[in-house]
Amino acid sequence: MLGGQADGRQITVLCGVGNNGGGGMVAARHLHNMGAQVSAVLASDSDRLKEVPAHQWSILRAIHLNRANFDLEASALILDALLGYGAKGDPRLPIRDWIERANASAIPILSLDSPSGLDTTSGNPSQPCIRAEATMTLALPKTGLFASQANPFVGELYLADIGVPPKLYREIGIDVDPLFLEGPIIRLE
């Protein structure tokens, strides 16, 4: 989404307090290590962070990637990590405001795992729902991402390898051919 070049580009990572937010925080570190100018924004109070995201947030604070003051409009990309696949119902404040603000910008949005506000089982969007240019889903795609009503919110759909061993899928009754023979990210049609 950045033409293969993150170095020097401004990226805003919108992080929720759950595991999806923690994933966004990890992505913020990787983007920072690639030379991007990262602003990681926690969209809620830090005392609401779950254990793993709280640890990730402490790392971002230590390397000064957490931003209270930043210029969203200066960003080349917004990474949406506000809500994860388990979210149900319409987003509440302050998440709702961040979704509306991101959607109102002219900045391309990449959603992590699923667009914030999208029901990943049914594919029904909440009010509001992130309108991503692309979505990078993790491990296996969620069924709702393929629903026709989800298309305007998902954008291009990619699947990323997060290291789940095929044996684990078999143990839970999912038969999956090797997906990542060509690399750690694949485009889904």
N, C-alpha and C. Protein backbone atom coordinates (compact mmCIF):
# COMPACT_ATOMS: atom_id res chain seq x y z
N MET A 1 0.82 -1.20 0.00
CA MET A 1 0.00 0.00 0.00
C MET A 1 0.85 1.26 0.00
N LEU A 2 2.12 1.11 0.29
CA LEU A 2 3.05 2.24 0.27
C LEU A 2 4.03 2.13 -0.89
N GLY A 3 3.68 1.33 -1.87
CA GLY A 3 4.56 1.17 -3.02
C GLY A 3 5.86 0.47 -2.68
N GLY A 4 5.84 -0.36 -1.64
CA GLY A 4 7.03 -1.11 -1.25
C GLY A 4 8.03 -0.32 -0.44
N GLN A 5 7.66 0.90 -0.03
CA GLN A 5 8.61 1.75 0.68
C GLN A 5 7.99 2.33 1.94
N ALA A 6 8.39 1.83 3.11
CA ALA A 6 7.91 2.36 4.38
C ALA A 6 8.85 3.41 4.95
N ASP A 7 10.11 3.38 4.57
CA ASP A 7 11.13 4.27 5.12
C ASP A 7 10.72 5.73 4.97
N GLY A 8 10.63 6.42 6.10
CA GLY A 8 10.31 7.83 6.10
C GLY A 8 8.83 8.15 5.96
N ARG A 9 7.99 7.18 5.73
CA ARG A 9 6.55 7.41 5.54
C ARG A 9 5.85 7.48 6.89
N GLN A 10 4.90 8.37 7.01
CA GLN A 10 4.12 8.52 8.24
C GLN A 10 2.98 7.50 8.24
N ILE A 11 2.92 6.67 9.28
CA ILE A 11 1.87 5.66 9.43
C ILE A 11 1.25 5.84 10.81
N THR A 12 -0.06 5.91 10.84
CA THR A 12 -0.79 6.00 12.10
C THR A 12 -1.42 4.65 12.38
N VAL A 13 -1.14 4.10 13.55
CA VAL A 13 -1.70 2.81 13.96
C VAL A 13 -2.73 3.08 15.05
N LEU A 14 -3.99 2.79 14.73
CA LEU A 14 -5.09 2.98 15.68
C LEU A 14 -5.29 1.68 16.45
N CYS A 15 -5.02 1.70 17.74
CA CYS A 15 -5.02 0.49 18.57
C CYS A 15 -6.16 0.49 19.56
N GLY A 16 -6.88 -0.63 19.60
CA GLY A 16 -7.86 -0.86 20.64
C GLY A 16 -7.19 -1.49 21.85
N VAL A 17 -7.98 -1.84 22.86
CA VAL A 17 -7.43 -2.36 24.11
C VAL A 17 -7.36 -3.89 24.15
N GLY A 18 -7.88 -4.56 23.13
CA GLY A 18 -7.87 -6.02 23.11
C GLY A 18 -6.70 -6.58 22.31
N ASN A 19 -6.83 -7.84 21.96
CA ASN A 19 -5.74 -8.53 21.26
C ASN A 19 -5.48 -7.97 19.87
N ASN A 20 -6.53 -7.50 19.18
CA ASN A 20 -6.31 -6.88 17.87
C ASN A 20 -5.47 -5.63 18.03
N GLY A 21 -5.73 -4.85 19.07
CA GLY A 21 -4.91 -3.68 19.36
C GLY A 21 -3.47 -4.07 19.63
N GLY A 22 -3.28 -5.18 20.36
CA GLY A 22 -1.93 -5.69 20.62
C GLY A 22 -1.22 -6.06 19.33
N GLY A 23 -1.95 -6.65 18.40
CA GLY A 23 -1.37 -6.96 17.08
C GLY A 23 -0.96 -5.71 16.34
N GLY A 24 -1.77 -4.67 16.45
CA GLY A 24 -1.42 -3.38 15.84
C GLY A 24 -0.17 -2.79 16.46
N MET A 25 -0.01 -2.98 17.76
CA MET A 25 1.19 -2.48 18.45
C MET A 25 2.44 -3.21 17.98
N VAL A 26 2.32 -4.52 17.77
CA VAL A 26 3.46 -5.29 17.23
C VAL A 26 3.77 -4.80 15.82
N ALA A 27 2.72 -4.58 15.01
CA ALA A 27 2.93 -4.06 13.65
C ALA A 27 3.61 -2.70 13.69
N ALA A 28 3.24 -1.86 14.66
CA ALA A 28 3.86 -0.54 14.79
C ALA A 28 5.36 -0.67 15.00
N ARG A 29 5.77 -1.61 15.83
CA ARG A 29 7.21 -1.83 16.06
C ARG A 29 7.90 -2.27 14.78
N HIS A 30 7.31 -3.22 14.07
CA HIS A 30 7.91 -3.70 12.82
C HIS A 30 8.02 -2.56 11.80
N LEU A 31 6.97 -1.76 11.67
CA LEU A 31 7.01 -0.64 10.74
C LEU A 31 8.07 0.38 11.14
N HIS A 32 8.18 0.62 12.44
CA HIS A 32 9.23 1.52 12.95
C HIS A 32 10.61 0.97 12.58
N ASN A 33 10.79 -0.33 12.75
CA ASN A 33 12.09 -0.95 12.41
C ASN A 33 12.38 -0.89 10.92
N MET A 34 11.35 -0.73 10.10
CA MET A 34 11.52 -0.60 8.65
C MET A 34 11.73 0.86 8.24
N GLY A 35 11.80 1.76 9.23
CA GLY A 35 12.08 3.16 8.95
C GLY A 35 10.87 4.06 8.87
N ALA A 36 9.67 3.52 9.07
CA ALA A 36 8.47 4.36 9.03
C ALA A 36 8.42 5.29 10.23
N GLN A 37 7.79 6.43 10.05
CA GLN A 37 7.52 7.37 11.13
C GLN A 37 6.16 6.98 11.70
N VAL A 38 6.15 6.25 12.80
CA VAL A 38 4.94 5.63 13.32
C VAL A 38 4.37 6.44 14.48
N SER A 39 3.06 6.66 14.41
CA SER A 39 2.30 7.20 15.54
C SER A 39 1.32 6.12 15.96
N ALA A 40 1.54 5.53 17.12
CA ALA A 40 0.62 4.53 17.65
C ALA A 40 -0.31 5.25 18.62
N VAL A 41 -1.60 5.10 18.37
CA VAL A 41 -2.61 5.82 19.13
C VAL A 41 -3.49 4.80 19.85
N LEU A 42 -3.57 4.91 21.15
CA LEU A 42 -4.46 4.05 21.93
C LEU A 42 -5.81 4.74 21.98
N ALA A 43 -6.83 4.07 21.45
CA ALA A 43 -8.14 4.69 21.29
C ALA A 43 -9.00 4.63 22.54
N SER A 44 -8.46 4.20 23.64
CA SER A 44 -9.19 4.13 24.89
C SER A 44 -8.20 4.31 26.03
N ASP A 45 -8.68 4.21 27.25
CA ASP A 45 -7.82 4.38 28.41
C ASP A 45 -6.87 3.18 28.56
N SER A 46 -5.62 3.45 28.89
CA SER A 46 -4.63 2.38 29.01
C SER A 46 -4.95 1.43 30.17
N ASP A 47 -5.73 1.86 31.14
CA ASP A 47 -6.08 0.96 32.24
C ASP A 47 -7.07 -0.13 31.80
N ARG A 48 -7.61 -0.03 30.59
CA ARG A 48 -8.52 -1.04 30.05
C ARG A 48 -7.80 -2.10 29.21
N LEU A 49 -6.49 -1.93 29.01
CA LEU A 49 -5.73 -2.87 28.20
C LEU A 49 -5.71 -4.27 28.81
N LYS A 50 -5.88 -5.28 27.97
CA LYS A 50 -5.69 -6.65 28.42
C LYS A 50 -4.20 -6.88 28.65
N GLU A 51 -3.86 -8.02 29.25
CA GLU A 51 -2.48 -8.26 29.69
C GLU A 51 -1.47 -8.17 28.55
N VAL A 52 -1.67 -8.89 27.47
CA VAL A 52 -0.68 -8.91 26.38
C VAL A 52 -0.60 -7.54 25.70
N PRO A 53 -1.74 -6.92 25.33
CA PRO A 53 -1.63 -5.58 24.76
C PRO A 53 -0.99 -4.57 25.72
N ALA A 54 -1.22 -4.71 27.03
CA ALA A 54 -0.59 -3.80 27.98
C ALA A 54 0.93 -3.92 27.91
N HIS A 55 1.41 -5.14 27.76
CA HIS A 55 2.86 -5.34 27.62
C HIS A 55 3.36 -4.68 26.33
N GLN A 56 2.63 -4.89 25.24
CA GLN A 56 3.03 -4.30 23.96
C GLN A 56 3.01 -2.77 24.04
N TRP A 57 2.01 -2.21 24.72
CA TRP A 57 1.91 -0.76 24.85
C TRP A 57 3.09 -0.22 25.65
N SER A 58 3.53 -0.96 26.67
CA SER A 58 4.68 -0.50 27.46
C SER A 58 5.94 -0.46 26.59
N ILE A 59 6.05 -1.38 25.65
CA ILE A 59 7.20 -1.36 24.72
C ILE A 59 7.12 -0.12 23.83
N LEU A 60 5.93 0.18 23.30
CA LEU A 60 5.78 1.36 22.44
C LEU A 60 6.07 2.64 23.21
N ARG A 61 5.67 2.69 24.46
CA ARG A 61 5.98 3.87 25.28
C ARG A 61 7.49 3.99 25.48
N ALA A 62 8.16 2.87 25.70
CA ALA A 62 9.60 2.89 25.94
C ALA A 62 10.38 3.39 24.72
N ILE A 63 9.87 3.10 23.53
CA ILE A 63 10.57 3.55 22.31
C ILE A 63 9.89 4.79 21.70
N HIS A 64 8.98 5.40 22.46
CA HIS A 64 8.35 6.68 22.12
C HIS A 64 7.53 6.63 20.84
N LEU A 65 6.81 5.54 20.62
CA LEU A 65 5.92 5.45 19.46
C LEU A 65 4.49 5.78 19.83
N ASN A 66 4.18 5.83 21.12
CA ASN A 66 2.82 6.20 21.54
C ASN A 66 2.68 7.72 21.39
N ARG A 67 1.63 8.13 20.73
CA ARG A 67 1.46 9.55 20.46
C ARG A 67 0.11 10.05 20.97
N ALA A 68 0.14 11.13 21.70
CA ALA A 68 -1.09 11.81 22.08
C ALA A 68 -1.38 12.92 21.07
N ASN A 69 -0.32 13.54 20.58
CA ASN A 69 -0.45 14.62 19.60
C ASN A 69 0.19 14.17 18.29
N PHE A 70 -0.62 14.12 17.26
CA PHE A 70 -0.13 13.70 15.95
C PHE A 70 -1.06 14.29 14.90
N ASP A 71 -0.59 14.32 13.66
CA ASP A 71 -1.39 14.86 12.57
C ASP A 71 -1.85 13.70 11.69
N LEU A 72 -3.09 13.26 11.91
CA LEU A 72 -3.62 12.13 11.13
C LEU A 72 -3.55 12.43 9.64
N GLU A 73 -3.86 13.66 9.26
CA GLU A 73 -3.89 14.02 7.84
C GLU A 73 -2.52 13.96 7.17
N ALA A 74 -1.44 13.92 7.96
CA ALA A 74 -0.09 13.82 7.39
C ALA A 74 0.29 12.37 7.12
N SER A 75 -0.57 11.43 7.51
CA SER A 75 -0.26 10.00 7.36
C SER A 75 -0.40 9.54 5.91
N ALA A 76 0.48 8.64 5.53
CA ALA A 76 0.38 7.98 4.23
C ALA A 76 -0.52 6.75 4.32
N LEU A 77 -0.70 6.24 5.56
CA LEU A 77 -1.47 5.02 5.77
C LEU A 77 -1.99 5.00 7.20
N ILE A 78 -3.22 4.50 7.36
CA ILE A 78 -3.78 4.21 8.67
C ILE A 78 -3.87 2.70 8.81
N LEU A 79 -3.34 2.18 9.90
CA LEU A 79 -3.49 0.77 10.21
C LEU A 79 -4.57 0.66 11.28
N ASP A 80 -5.67 0.00 10.92
CA ASP A 80 -6.82 -0.17 11.80
C ASP A 80 -6.65 -1.43 12.64
N ALA A 81 -6.43 -1.25 13.94
CA ALA A 81 -6.36 -2.37 14.88
C ALA A 81 -7.23 -2.03 16.10
N LEU A 82 -8.39 -1.44 15.83
CA LEU A 82 -9.27 -0.99 16.90
C LEU A 82 -10.06 -2.13 17.53
N LEU A 83 -10.74 -2.91 16.70
CA LEU A 83 -11.59 -4.00 17.17
C LEU A 83 -11.23 -5.28 16.44
N GLY A 84 -11.32 -6.39 17.14
CA GLY A 84 -11.00 -7.68 16.56
C GLY A 84 -12.22 -8.44 16.10
N TYR A 85 -11.99 -9.69 15.74
CA TYR A 85 -13.05 -10.52 15.16
C TYR A 85 -14.16 -10.85 16.16
N GLY A 86 -13.94 -10.71 17.43
CA GLY A 86 -14.96 -11.05 18.42
C GLY A 86 -15.92 -9.92 18.75
N ALA A 87 -15.68 -8.75 18.21
CA ALA A 87 -16.54 -7.60 18.54
C ALA A 87 -17.94 -7.79 17.96
N LYS A 88 -18.94 -7.46 18.75
CA LYS A 88 -20.35 -7.57 18.32
C LYS A 88 -21.05 -6.26 18.58
N GLY A 89 -21.99 -5.93 17.72
CA GLY A 89 -22.79 -4.72 17.89
C GLY A 89 -22.07 -3.48 17.40
N ASP A 90 -22.78 -2.38 17.48
CA ASP A 90 -22.21 -1.11 17.04
C ASP A 90 -21.10 -0.66 17.99
N PRO A 91 -19.98 -0.18 17.42
CA PRO A 91 -18.89 0.31 18.27
C PRO A 91 -19.36 1.48 19.14
N ARG A 92 -18.87 1.49 20.36
CA ARG A 92 -19.19 2.55 21.31
C ARG A 92 -18.06 3.58 21.32
N LEU A 93 -18.36 4.70 21.94
CA LEU A 93 -17.32 5.72 22.11
C LEU A 93 -16.21 5.16 22.97
N PRO A 94 -14.98 5.51 22.78
CA PRO A 94 -14.43 6.42 21.78
C PRO A 94 -14.08 5.75 20.45
N ILE A 95 -14.24 4.41 20.38
CA ILE A 95 -13.90 3.68 19.15
C ILE A 95 -14.72 4.21 17.98
N ARG A 96 -16.01 4.45 18.20
CA ARG A 96 -16.88 4.96 17.13
C ARG A 96 -16.29 6.23 16.52
N ASP A 97 -15.82 7.15 17.37
CA ASP A 97 -15.26 8.40 16.85
C ASP A 97 -14.01 8.15 16.00
N TRP A 98 -13.16 7.22 16.43
CA TRP A 98 -11.95 6.92 15.65
C TRP A 98 -12.30 6.30 14.30
N ILE A 99 -13.29 5.43 14.26
CA ILE A 99 -13.72 4.84 12.99
C ILE A 99 -14.24 5.93 12.06
N GLU A 100 -15.07 6.81 12.57
CA GLU A 100 -15.61 7.89 11.75
C GLU A 100 -14.51 8.83 11.27
N ARG A 101 -13.57 9.12 12.14
CA ARG A 101 -12.45 10.01 11.76
C ARG A 101 -11.59 9.38 10.68
N ALA A 102 -11.27 8.10 10.83
CA ALA A 102 -10.47 7.41 9.81
C ALA A 102 -11.21 7.36 8.48
N ASN A 103 -12.49 7.01 8.52
CA ASN A 103 -13.27 6.94 7.28
C ASN A 103 -13.41 8.29 6.60
N ALA A 104 -13.47 9.36 7.36
CA ALA A 104 -13.63 10.70 6.79
C ALA A 104 -12.34 11.22 6.16
N SER A 105 -11.22 10.63 6.53
CA SER A 105 -9.95 11.07 5.95
C SER A 105 -9.83 10.51 4.53
N ALA A 106 -8.92 11.06 3.78
CA ALA A 106 -8.66 10.56 2.43
C ALA A 106 -7.48 9.58 2.44
N ILE A 107 -7.12 9.11 3.63
CA ILE A 107 -5.94 8.27 3.80
C ILE A 107 -6.31 6.80 3.62
N PRO A 108 -5.51 6.04 2.86
CA PRO A 108 -5.79 4.61 2.72
C PRO A 108 -5.75 3.92 4.09
N ILE A 109 -6.66 2.96 4.28
CA ILE A 109 -6.75 2.22 5.54
C ILE A 109 -6.46 0.76 5.28
N LEU A 110 -5.57 0.19 6.08
CA LEU A 110 -5.31 -1.25 6.09
C LEU A 110 -5.84 -1.78 7.41
N SER A 111 -6.80 -2.70 7.35
CA SER A 111 -7.35 -3.29 8.58
C SER A 111 -6.58 -4.54 8.94
N LEU A 112 -6.30 -4.68 10.22
CA LEU A 112 -5.62 -5.86 10.73
C LEU A 112 -6.67 -6.88 11.17
N ASP A 113 -6.65 -8.02 10.55
CA ASP A 113 -7.53 -9.17 10.77
C ASP A 113 -8.94 -8.95 10.23
N SER A 114 -9.59 -7.86 10.58
CA SER A 114 -10.91 -7.54 10.01
C SER A 114 -11.16 -6.05 10.21
N PRO A 115 -11.96 -5.44 9.32
CA PRO A 115 -12.28 -4.03 9.53
C PRO A 115 -13.03 -3.85 10.85
N SER A 116 -12.63 -2.88 11.63
CA SER A 116 -13.30 -2.62 12.91
C SER A 116 -14.76 -2.30 12.66
N GLY A 117 -15.63 -3.06 13.34
CA GLY A 117 -17.06 -2.88 13.19
C GLY A 117 -17.72 -3.89 12.27
N LEU A 118 -16.95 -4.78 11.66
CA LEU A 118 -17.52 -5.80 10.78
C LEU A 118 -17.72 -7.09 11.55
N ASP A 119 -18.92 -7.67 11.47
CA ASP A 119 -19.18 -8.97 12.07
C ASP A 119 -18.50 -10.02 11.18
N THR A 120 -17.48 -10.68 11.69
CA THR A 120 -16.68 -11.59 10.85
C THR A 120 -17.36 -12.92 10.61
N THR A 121 -18.48 -13.17 11.26
CA THR A 121 -19.24 -14.39 10.97
C THR A 121 -20.26 -14.14 9.88
N SER A 122 -21.04 -13.08 10.01
CA SER A 122 -22.11 -12.78 9.04
C SER A 122 -21.65 -11.88 7.91
N GLY A 123 -20.64 -11.06 8.16
CA GLY A 123 -20.21 -10.07 7.19
C GLY A 123 -21.02 -8.79 7.24
N ASN A 124 -21.91 -8.66 8.23
CA ASN A 124 -22.72 -7.46 8.37
C ASN A 124 -21.92 -6.34 9.02
N PRO A 125 -21.94 -5.16 8.40
CA PRO A 125 -21.23 -4.02 9.00
C PRO A 125 -22.08 -3.38 10.10
N SER A 126 -21.41 -2.91 11.12
CA SER A 126 -22.09 -2.14 12.16
C SER A 126 -22.12 -0.69 11.72
N GLN A 127 -22.63 0.14 12.58
CA GLN A 127 -22.64 1.58 12.34
C GLN A 127 -21.84 2.24 13.44
N PRO A 128 -20.67 2.78 13.14
CA PRO A 128 -19.97 2.78 11.86
C PRO A 128 -19.08 1.55 11.72
N CYS A 129 -18.53 1.40 10.53
CA CYS A 129 -17.61 0.31 10.23
C CYS A 129 -16.47 0.87 9.38
N ILE A 130 -15.26 0.49 9.70
CA ILE A 130 -14.10 0.93 8.90
C ILE A 130 -14.29 0.52 7.45
N ARG A 131 -13.95 1.41 6.55
CA ARG A 131 -13.95 1.12 5.11
C ARG A 131 -12.49 1.03 4.68
N ALA A 132 -11.98 -0.19 4.70
CA ALA A 132 -10.56 -0.42 4.41
C ALA A 132 -10.32 -0.54 2.91
N GLU A 133 -9.17 -0.07 2.51
CA GLU A 133 -8.72 -0.31 1.13
C GLU A 133 -8.24 -1.76 1.01
N ALA A 134 -7.71 -2.28 2.12
CA ALA A 134 -7.25 -3.68 2.17
C ALA A 134 -7.38 -4.18 3.60
N THR A 135 -7.53 -5.49 3.71
CA THR A 135 -7.60 -6.16 5.01
C THR A 135 -6.58 -7.29 5.02
N MET A 136 -5.77 -7.34 6.07
CA MET A 136 -4.82 -8.43 6.27
C MET A 136 -5.36 -9.29 7.39
N THR A 137 -5.99 -10.42 7.01
CA THR A 137 -6.52 -11.32 8.02
C THR A 137 -5.43 -12.31 8.41
N LEU A 138 -5.58 -12.91 9.57
CA LEU A 138 -4.51 -13.72 10.15
C LEU A 138 -4.91 -15.17 10.32
N ALA A 139 -3.98 -16.06 10.09
CA ALA A 139 -4.11 -17.52 10.28
C ALA A 139 -5.04 -18.15 9.26
N LEU A 140 -6.33 -17.97 9.39
CA LEU A 140 -7.32 -18.44 8.41
C LEU A 140 -8.33 -17.31 8.20
N PRO A 141 -8.89 -17.21 6.99
CA PRO A 141 -9.85 -16.14 6.76
C PRO A 141 -11.16 -16.39 7.50
N LYS A 142 -11.76 -15.34 7.98
CA LYS A 142 -13.05 -15.41 8.65
C LYS A 142 -14.14 -15.40 7.58
N THR A 143 -15.18 -16.21 7.76
CA THR A 143 -16.21 -16.39 6.73
C THR A 143 -16.88 -15.09 6.33
N GLY A 144 -17.15 -14.20 7.28
CA GLY A 144 -17.84 -12.96 6.98
C GLY A 144 -17.08 -12.03 6.06
N LEU A 145 -15.77 -12.21 5.95
CA LEU A 145 -14.98 -11.35 5.07
C LEU A 145 -15.31 -11.57 3.60
N PHE A 146 -15.94 -12.71 3.28
CA PHE A 146 -16.29 -13.03 1.90
C PHE A 146 -17.74 -12.67 1.56
N ALA A 147 -18.54 -12.24 2.53
CA ALA A 147 -19.93 -11.90 2.28
C ALA A 147 -20.02 -10.67 1.38
N SER A 148 -20.99 -10.66 0.48
CA SER A 148 -21.10 -9.55 -0.47
C SER A 148 -21.28 -8.21 0.24
N GLN A 149 -22.02 -8.19 1.35
CA GLN A 149 -22.23 -6.93 2.06
C GLN A 149 -20.96 -6.43 2.75
N ALA A 150 -19.96 -7.30 2.88
CA ALA A 150 -18.69 -6.92 3.51
C ALA A 150 -17.72 -6.30 2.51
N ASN A 151 -17.93 -6.55 1.23
CA ASN A 151 -16.97 -6.10 0.20
C ASN A 151 -16.57 -4.64 0.29
N PRO A 152 -17.51 -3.70 0.47
CA PRO A 152 -17.09 -2.29 0.52
C PRO A 152 -16.25 -1.93 1.75
N PHE A 153 -16.24 -2.81 2.74
CA PHE A 153 -15.52 -2.53 3.97
C PHE A 153 -14.18 -3.26 4.04
N VAL A 154 -14.09 -4.41 3.39
CA VAL A 154 -12.90 -5.26 3.42
C VAL A 154 -11.84 -4.79 2.44
N GLY A 155 -12.24 -4.37 1.24
CA GLY A 155 -11.29 -4.02 0.20
C GLY A 155 -10.57 -5.28 -0.28
N GLU A 156 -9.32 -5.12 -0.72
CA GLU A 156 -8.53 -6.29 -1.11
C GLU A 156 -8.26 -7.12 0.13
N LEU A 157 -8.34 -8.44 -0.02
CA LEU A 157 -8.19 -9.32 1.13
C LEU A 157 -6.90 -10.13 1.03
N TYR A 158 -6.11 -10.07 2.10
CA TYR A 158 -4.86 -10.81 2.18
C TYR A 158 -4.89 -11.69 3.42
N LEU A 159 -4.13 -12.77 3.37
CA LEU A 159 -4.01 -13.70 4.49
C LEU A 159 -2.54 -13.77 4.88
N ALA A 160 -2.27 -13.61 6.18
CA ALA A 160 -0.89 -13.63 6.67
C ALA A 160 -0.66 -14.86 7.53
N ASP A 161 0.50 -15.43 7.37
CA ASP A 161 0.93 -16.57 8.18
C ASP A 161 1.40 -16.05 9.54
N ILE A 162 0.81 -16.58 10.60
CA ILE A 162 1.27 -16.20 11.94
C ILE A 162 1.85 -17.41 12.66
N GLY A 163 2.22 -18.42 11.88
CA GLY A 163 2.95 -19.55 12.44
C GLY A 163 2.11 -20.65 13.06
N VAL A 164 0.81 -20.72 12.73
CA VAL A 164 -0.01 -21.80 13.27
C VAL A 164 0.36 -23.09 12.54
N PRO A 165 0.82 -24.12 13.25
CA PRO A 165 1.22 -25.36 12.59
C PRO A 165 0.01 -26.12 12.03
N PRO A 166 0.15 -26.70 10.83
CA PRO A 166 -0.95 -27.47 10.23
C PRO A 166 -1.50 -28.55 11.17
N LYS A 167 -0.63 -29.12 12.00
CA LYS A 167 -1.08 -30.15 12.95
C LYS A 167 -2.16 -29.60 13.89
N LEU A 168 -2.02 -28.37 14.31
CA LEU A 168 -3.02 -27.77 15.21
C LEU A 168 -4.37 -27.66 14.51
N TYR A 169 -4.36 -27.25 13.24
CA TYR A 169 -5.61 -27.18 12.49
C TYR A 169 -6.27 -28.56 12.43
N ARG A 170 -5.48 -29.58 12.15
CA ARG A 170 -6.03 -30.95 12.07
C ARG A 170 -6.61 -31.38 13.41
N GLU A 171 -5.96 -31.02 14.50
CA GLU A 171 -6.44 -31.40 15.83
C GLU A 171 -7.78 -30.77 16.16
N ILE A 172 -8.10 -29.63 15.58
CA ILE A 172 -9.40 -29.01 15.83
C ILE A 172 -10.39 -29.29 14.69
N GLY A 173 -10.03 -30.23 13.81
CA GLY A 173 -10.95 -30.69 12.78
C GLY A 173 -10.98 -29.87 11.51
N ILE A 174 -9.93 -29.09 11.26
CA ILE A 174 -9.86 -28.30 10.03
C ILE A 174 -8.76 -28.87 9.16
N ASP A 175 -9.13 -29.30 7.96
CA ASP A 175 -8.15 -29.84 7.01
C ASP A 175 -7.74 -28.73 6.06
N VAL A 176 -6.52 -28.26 6.18
CA VAL A 176 -6.03 -27.14 5.40
C VAL A 176 -4.77 -27.57 4.65
N ASP A 177 -4.79 -27.36 3.34
CA ASP A 177 -3.58 -27.57 2.56
C ASP A 177 -2.56 -26.51 2.95
N PRO A 178 -1.27 -26.77 2.71
CA PRO A 178 -0.28 -25.72 3.00
C PRO A 178 -0.61 -24.45 2.21
N LEU A 179 -0.78 -23.36 2.93
CA LEU A 179 -1.22 -22.11 2.32
C LEU A 179 -0.08 -21.18 1.93
N PHE A 180 1.02 -21.27 2.62
CA PHE A 180 2.05 -20.23 2.50
C PHE A 180 3.32 -20.74 1.83
N LEU A 181 3.15 -21.54 0.80
CA LEU A 181 4.31 -22.07 0.08
C LEU A 181 5.04 -20.98 -0.70
N GLU A 182 4.31 -19.95 -1.11
CA GLU A 182 4.90 -18.88 -1.91
C GLU A 182 5.40 -17.70 -1.08
N GLY A 183 5.08 -17.70 0.21
CA GLY A 183 5.49 -16.60 1.07
C GLY A 183 4.53 -16.43 2.23
N PRO A 184 4.84 -15.52 3.17
CA PRO A 184 4.04 -15.37 4.39
C PRO A 184 2.74 -14.60 4.21
N ILE A 185 2.53 -14.01 3.04
CA ILE A 185 1.29 -13.27 2.77
C ILE A 185 0.77 -13.68 1.41
N ILE A 186 -0.52 -14.01 1.35
CA ILE A 186 -1.14 -14.35 0.07
C ILE A 186 -2.40 -13.52 -0.14
N ARG A 187 -2.68 -13.24 -1.40
CA ARG A 187 -3.91 -12.51 -1.74
C ARG A 187 -5.03 -13.51 -1.92
N LEU A 188 -6.18 -13.21 -1.34
CA LEU A 188 -7.36 -14.06 -1.46
C LEU A 188 -8.32 -13.42 -2.43
N GLU A 189 -8.97 -14.22 -3.20
CA GLU A 189 -9.95 -13.71 -4.19
C GLU A 189 -11.35 -13.95 -3.70
